[in-house]
Amino acid sequence: MSLYCRVIQPEDLQQILDLENKKLAETYPDEMERMIATWNSKFRVEALNHYIALGWSFLALEQETNKLMGYFIAQPLLFLDGQTQTLWVEHVQYSSLQARDELCELAYKLGREKHLQRVYFPNDNGVPNSVKAFKAESWQPGTLSVKTTKG
């Protein structure tokens, strides 16, 4: 299968939500569980709108059919963990391992091309398998987090 990647545009939102809903249905057959999982997801519409507007998020599409095979949402961060410039990859979703691997490689190459010091990837959804060739390290900052909301 031949893939190509491009920056996510606002008109791609529904295609992304369709992919995520398909993945959720596979994981949570019960509709109520699926709805609760959506509330805590990284692909909520408001999050996608935020990331899409920044222009650092990408789709992987099948060359022949333009079928969405995966995507990642990301944003650049300044002065995080002692680094001047980093790329924060918030979420990676995919329908094929090839799409996952190509998207992770794209994020890595984007960081190198833009002279960012680091790319932070999520440590889930098979992503560690895609980035081990880049000598990925666990990020364990000496930071405490405090919730400011109930729940």
Protein backbone atom coordinates (compact mmCIF):
# COMPACT_ATOMS: atom_id res chain seq x y z
CA MET A 1 0.00 0.00 0.00
CA SER A 2 1.30 3.40 -0.93
CA LEU A 3 0.67 6.28 1.48
CA TYR A 4 1.18 10.01 1.39
CA CYS A 5 1.00 12.51 4.23
CA ARG A 6 -0.26 16.06 4.35
CA VAL A 7 -1.18 18.73 6.90
CA ILE A 8 -4.64 18.29 8.39
CA GLN A 9 -7.18 20.84 7.17
CA PRO A 10 -10.43 21.82 8.97
CA GLU A 11 -12.47 19.94 6.35
CA ASP A 12 -10.72 16.69 7.43
CA LEU A 13 -12.34 16.79 10.87
CA GLN A 14 -15.26 14.46 10.09
CA GLN A 15 -12.99 11.87 8.48
CA ILE A 16 -10.85 11.87 11.65
CA LEU A 17 -13.91 11.52 13.89
CA ASP A 18 -15.17 8.64 11.74
CA LEU A 19 -11.83 6.81 12.16
CA GLU A 20 -11.86 7.40 15.92
CA ASN A 21 -15.48 6.28 16.27
CA LYS A 22 -14.68 3.09 14.35
CA LYS A 23 -11.73 2.42 16.69
CA LEU A 24 -13.92 3.13 19.74
CA ALA A 25 -16.62 0.74 18.52
CA GLU A 26 -13.99 -2.00 18.23
CA THR A 27 -12.72 -1.35 21.76
CA TYR A 28 -16.04 -0.57 23.48
CA PRO A 29 -19.00 -2.49 22.00
CA ASP A 30 -21.33 -0.95 24.60
CA GLU A 31 -22.58 2.47 23.49
CA MET A 32 -22.55 3.94 27.02
CA GLU A 33 -18.93 2.87 27.61
CA ARG A 34 -18.01 4.32 24.23
CA MET A 35 -19.61 7.67 25.12
CA ILE A 36 -17.72 7.82 28.44
CA ALA A 37 -14.45 6.96 26.68
CA THR A 38 -15.06 9.82 24.24
CA TRP A 39 -15.34 12.31 27.11
CA ASN A 40 -11.79 11.47 28.22
CA SER A 41 -10.27 11.16 24.78
CA LYS A 42 -7.51 13.21 23.18
CA PHE A 43 -9.54 13.56 19.98
CA ARG A 44 -12.45 15.62 21.28
CA VAL A 45 -13.67 18.10 18.68
CA GLU A 46 -12.37 21.12 20.61
CA ALA A 47 -8.92 19.51 20.91
CA LEU A 48 -8.84 18.62 17.21
CA ASN A 49 -9.88 22.16 16.27
CA HIS A 50 -7.07 23.55 18.43
CA TYR A 51 -4.38 21.32 16.94
CA ILE A 52 -5.60 21.56 13.34
CA ALA A 53 -5.45 25.37 13.43
CA LEU A 54 -1.76 25.27 14.42
CA GLY A 55 -0.69 23.48 11.23
CA TRP A 56 1.62 20.88 12.85
CA SER A 57 -0.78 17.92 12.58
CA PHE A 58 -0.74 15.42 9.70
CA LEU A 59 -2.85 12.79 7.96
CA ALA A 60 -1.65 9.60 6.28
CA LEU A 61 -3.80 8.80 3.25
CA GLU A 62 -3.86 5.86 0.88
CA GLN A 63 -2.42 7.03 -2.43
CA GLU A 64 -5.01 5.44 -4.75
CA THR A 65 -8.21 6.00 -2.76
CA ASN A 66 -7.43 8.96 -0.45
CA LYS A 67 -8.73 6.80 2.41
CA LEU A 68 -7.62 8.03 5.82
CA MET A 69 -5.16 5.51 7.26
CA GLY A 70 -4.00 7.53 10.27
CA TYR A 71 -3.13 10.89 11.71
CA PHE A 72 -1.32 12.67 14.50
CA ILE A 73 -2.05 15.92 16.27
CA ALA A 74 0.87 17.98 17.52
CA GLN A 75 2.00 21.44 18.53
CA PRO A 76 5.32 23.16 19.06
CA LEU A 77 6.17 24.12 22.64
CA LEU A 78 8.72 26.67 23.75
CA PHE A 79 10.84 26.27 26.88
CA LEU A 80 9.60 22.88 28.06
CA ASP A 81 11.79 20.78 30.35
CA GLY A 82 14.88 22.88 29.65
CA GLN A 83 14.49 22.63 25.87
CA THR A 84 14.12 25.76 23.78
CA GLN A 85 11.84 24.24 21.14
CA THR A 86 10.04 20.90 21.11
CA LEU A 87 7.25 19.21 19.21
CA TRP A 88 4.55 17.74 21.41
CA VAL A 89 2.70 14.89 19.66
CA GLU A 90 -0.54 14.64 21.62
CA HIS A 91 -2.15 11.68 19.86
CA VAL A 92 -1.46 9.16 17.10
CA GLN A 93 -4.21 7.05 15.56
CA TYR A 94 -3.96 4.65 12.64
CA SER A 95 -5.58 1.81 10.71
CA SER A 96 -2.34 0.15 9.63
CA LEU A 97 1.11 -0.31 11.13
CA GLN A 98 2.57 1.25 7.99
CA ALA A 99 0.57 4.42 8.62
CA ARG A 100 1.64 4.47 12.29
CA ASP A 101 5.30 4.09 11.36
CA GLU A 102 5.19 6.70 8.59
CA LEU A 103 3.43 9.22 10.82
CA CYS A 104 5.93 8.75 13.66
CA GLU A 105 8.81 9.08 11.22
CA LEU A 106 7.23 12.22 9.78
CA ALA A 107 6.97 13.81 13.24
CA TYR A 108 10.62 12.93 13.93
CA LYS A 109 11.79 14.33 10.58
CA LEU A 110 9.67 17.45 11.07
CA GLY A 111 11.41 18.07 14.39
CA ARG A 112 14.82 17.65 12.77
CA GLU A 113 13.95 19.81 9.75
CA LYS A 114 12.66 22.64 11.96
CA HIS A 115 15.70 22.36 14.28
CA LEU A 116 13.64 21.43 17.34
CA GLN A 117 15.56 19.85 20.22
CA ARG A 118 13.07 17.06 20.93
CA VAL A 119 9.87 15.43 19.82
CA TYR A 120 7.67 14.10 22.63
CA PHE A 121 5.53 11.12 21.60
CA PRO A 122 2.70 9.48 23.54
CA ASN A 123 3.82 6.26 25.22
CA ASP A 124 0.80 4.24 24.09
CA ASN A 125 -1.11 2.85 21.10
CA GLY A 126 1.95 1.09 19.68
CA VAL A 127 3.92 4.31 19.22
CA PRO A 128 6.97 3.05 21.18
CA ASN A 129 7.44 0.37 18.50
CA SER A 130 7.56 3.04 15.80
CA VAL A 131 10.07 5.33 17.49
CA LYS A 132 12.58 2.86 18.94
CA ALA A 133 14.76 3.25 15.82
CA PHE A 134 15.18 6.92 16.80
CA LYS A 135 16.62 5.86 20.18
CA ALA A 136 13.57 6.98 22.14
CA GLU A 137 13.98 7.59 25.85
CA SER A 138 11.31 7.72 28.53
CA TRP A 139 10.57 11.25 29.61
CA GLN A 140 10.36 11.47 33.36
CA PRO A 141 10.54 15.08 34.42
CA GLY A 142 10.83 15.96 38.09
CA THR A 143 7.44 17.62 37.99
CA LEU A 144 4.34 17.27 40.12
CA SER A 145 0.90 17.85 38.68
CA VAL A 146 -2.00 19.16 40.68
CA LYS A 147 -5.60 18.89 39.42
CA THR A 148 -7.50 22.14 39.53
CA THR A 149 -10.88 20.58 38.77
CA LYS A 150 -13.02 17.93 40.42
CA GLY A 151 -12.86 14.42 39.09
